[in-house]
C-alpha atoms as a PDB file:
ATOM      1  CA  MET A   1      15.593   2.970  -0.912  1.00  0.00           C
ATOM      2  CA  LEU A   2      15.562   0.451   1.905  1.00  0.00           C
ATOM      3  CA  ASP A   3      17.946  -1.919   0.072  1.00  0.00           C
ATOM      4  CA  GLY A   4      20.245   0.966  -0.905  1.00  0.00           C
ATOM      5  CA  PHE A   5      20.587   2.602   2.453  1.00  0.00           C
ATOM      6  CA  GLU A   6      19.326   0.350   5.263  1.00  0.00           C
ATOM      7  CA  ARG A   7      19.692  -3.334   4.294  1.00  0.00           C
ATOM      8  CA  LYS A   8      22.432  -5.228   6.074  1.00  0.00           C
ATOM      9  CA  PRO A   9      24.704  -7.661   4.131  1.00  0.00           C
ATOM     10  CA  HIS A  10      23.096 -10.686   5.768  1.00  0.00           C
ATOM     11  CA  GLU A  11      19.543  -9.533   4.984  1.00  0.00           C
ATOM     12  CA  ASN A  12      17.475 -10.519   1.862  1.00  0.00           C
ATOM     13  CA  PRO A  13      16.334  -7.751  -0.505  1.00  0.00           C
ATOM     14  CA  ALA A  14      13.260  -5.855   0.596  1.00  0.00           C
ATOM     15  CA  ILE A  15       9.804  -6.520  -0.829  1.00  0.00           C
ATOM     16  CA  GLY A  16       6.802  -4.386  -0.216  1.00  0.00           C
ATOM     17  CA  ILE A  17       4.669  -1.453  -1.217  1.00  0.00           C
ATOM     18  CA  ILE A  18       5.785   2.135  -1.665  1.00  0.00           C
ATOM     19  CA  LEU A  19       3.082   4.756  -1.113  1.00  0.00           C
ATOM     20  CA  CYS A  20       3.750   8.295  -2.285  1.00  0.00           C
ATOM     21  CA  LYS A  21       1.564  11.279  -1.649  1.00  0.00           C
ATOM     22  CA  ASP A  22       2.815  13.051  -4.746  1.00  0.00           C
ATOM     23  CA  MET A  23       4.535  12.024  -7.963  1.00  0.00           C
ATOM     24  CA  ASN A  24       8.269  12.436  -7.718  1.00  0.00           C
ATOM     25  CA  LYS A  25      10.034  11.202 -10.918  1.00  0.00           C
ATOM     26  CA  SER A  26      13.494  10.995  -9.332  1.00  0.00           C
ATOM     27  CA  PHE A  27      12.194   8.845  -6.529  1.00  0.00           C
ATOM     28  CA  VAL A  28      10.223   6.587  -8.888  1.00  0.00           C
ATOM     29  CA  ASP A  29      13.238   6.190 -11.157  1.00  0.00           C
ATOM     30  CA  TYR A  30      15.364   5.194  -8.193  1.00  0.00           C
ATOM     31  CA  VAL A  31      12.824   2.676  -6.893  1.00  0.00           C
ATOM     32  CA  ILE A  32      12.287   0.977 -10.274  1.00  0.00           C
ATOM     33  CA  GLN A  33      15.979   0.775 -11.255  1.00  0.00           C
ATOM     34  CA  ASP A  34      15.997  -2.988 -10.895  1.00  0.00           C
ATOM     35  CA  TYR A  35      13.591  -4.321 -13.484  1.00  0.00           C
ATOM     36  CA  THR A  36      14.236  -7.959 -12.528  1.00  0.00           C
ATOM     37  CA  LYS A  37      11.893  -7.668  -9.550  1.00  0.00           C
ATOM     38  CA  PRO A  38       8.072  -7.758  -9.837  1.00  0.00           C
ATOM     39  CA  LEU A  39       6.625  -4.285 -10.085  1.00  0.00           C
ATOM     40  CA  GLY A  40       3.208  -2.730  -9.879  1.00  0.00           C
ATOM     41  CA  VAL A  41       2.396   0.975 -10.199  1.00  0.00           C
ATOM     42  CA  ALA A  42      -0.989   2.420  -9.305  1.00  0.00           C
ATOM     43  CA  THR A  43      -2.607   5.576  -8.168  1.00  0.00           C
ATOM     44  CA  TYR A  44      -5.096   5.812  -5.343  1.00  0.00           C
ATOM     45  CA  LYS A  45      -7.586   8.283  -3.906  1.00  0.00           C
ATOM     46  CA  THR A  46      -8.641   8.785  -0.347  1.00  0.00           C
ATOM     47  CA  SER A  47     -12.230   8.827   0.819  1.00  0.00           C
ATOM     48  CA  LYS A  48     -12.340  12.621   0.623  1.00  0.00           C
ATOM     49  CA  ASP A  49     -11.704  12.291  -3.135  1.00  0.00           C
ATOM     50  CA  MET A  50     -14.550   9.781  -3.674  1.00  0.00           C
ATOM     51  CA  SER A  51     -17.856  10.674  -5.246  1.00  0.00           C
ATOM     52  CA  GLU A  52     -20.901  10.725  -3.012  1.00  0.00           C
ATOM     53  CA  GLU A  53     -22.340   7.834  -5.042  1.00  0.00           C
ATOM     54  CA  LEU A  54     -19.296   5.596  -4.259  1.00  0.00           C
ATOM     55  CA  LYS A  55     -19.284   6.643  -0.578  1.00  0.00           C
ATOM     56  CA  LYS A  56     -22.979   5.575  -0.313  1.00  0.00           C
ATOM     57  CA  ALA A  57     -22.220   2.178  -1.891  1.00  0.00           C
ATOM     58  CA  LEU A  58     -19.624   1.343   0.803  1.00  0.00           C
ATOM     59  CA  PRO A  59     -20.640  -0.238   4.054  1.00  0.00           C
ATOM     60  CA  PRO A  60     -20.497   1.859   7.236  1.00  0.00           C
ATOM     61  CA  VAL A  61     -17.123   1.872   8.992  1.00  0.00           C
ATOM     62  CA  GLU A  62     -18.621   0.285  12.096  1.00  0.00           C
ATOM     63  CA  ALA A  63     -19.905  -2.665  10.033  1.00  0.00           C
ATOM     64  CA  LEU A  64     -16.372  -3.203   8.640  1.00  0.00           C
ATOM     65  CA  LYS A  65     -14.871  -3.057  12.156  1.00  0.00           C
ATOM     66  CA  ARG A  66     -17.376  -5.671  13.364  1.00  0.00           C
ATOM     67  CA  LEU A  67     -16.485  -7.891  10.448  1.00  0.00           C
ATOM     68  CA  LEU A  68     -12.784  -7.636  11.140  1.00  0.00           C
ATOM     69  CA  ASP A  69     -13.344  -8.281  14.862  1.00  0.00           C
ATOM     70  CA  SER A  70     -15.392 -11.402  14.120  1.00  0.00           C
ATOM     71  CA  GLU A  71     -12.684 -12.714  11.768  1.00  0.00           C
ATOM     72  CA  ASP A  72     -10.139 -12.277  14.511  1.00  0.00           C
ATOM     73  CA  LEU A  73     -12.298 -14.424  16.814  1.00  0.00           C
ATOM     74  CA  ASP A  74     -12.565 -17.119  14.159  1.00  0.00           C
ATOM     75  CA  GLU A  75      -8.783 -17.489  14.013  1.00  0.00           C
ATOM     76  CA  GLU A  76      -8.405 -18.093  17.786  1.00  0.00           C
END
C-alpha cells in the first residue's frame, strides 16, 4: 500500500511489517502481489486472549520495563 500510494520516485521500496486486526482477503492479496520480496505471514493474539497458565509464565510488566531501562543505560 505504501509503495502503491505514498512512495516517491526517488525512494526505495518499503520494507516492514503489516499488522491487521481482522483478515481481509482483498488487502492481503494486494500486499502480497509482488512475490519477489521476502514474505512472512502470521497470526497473533493479545494478552487478553492468552490462557491464565501462559500469563503466569510471563514476567511482570514492571520487571520487563526495568530490563529495558537497564539495557538503555548500557548503550550510553
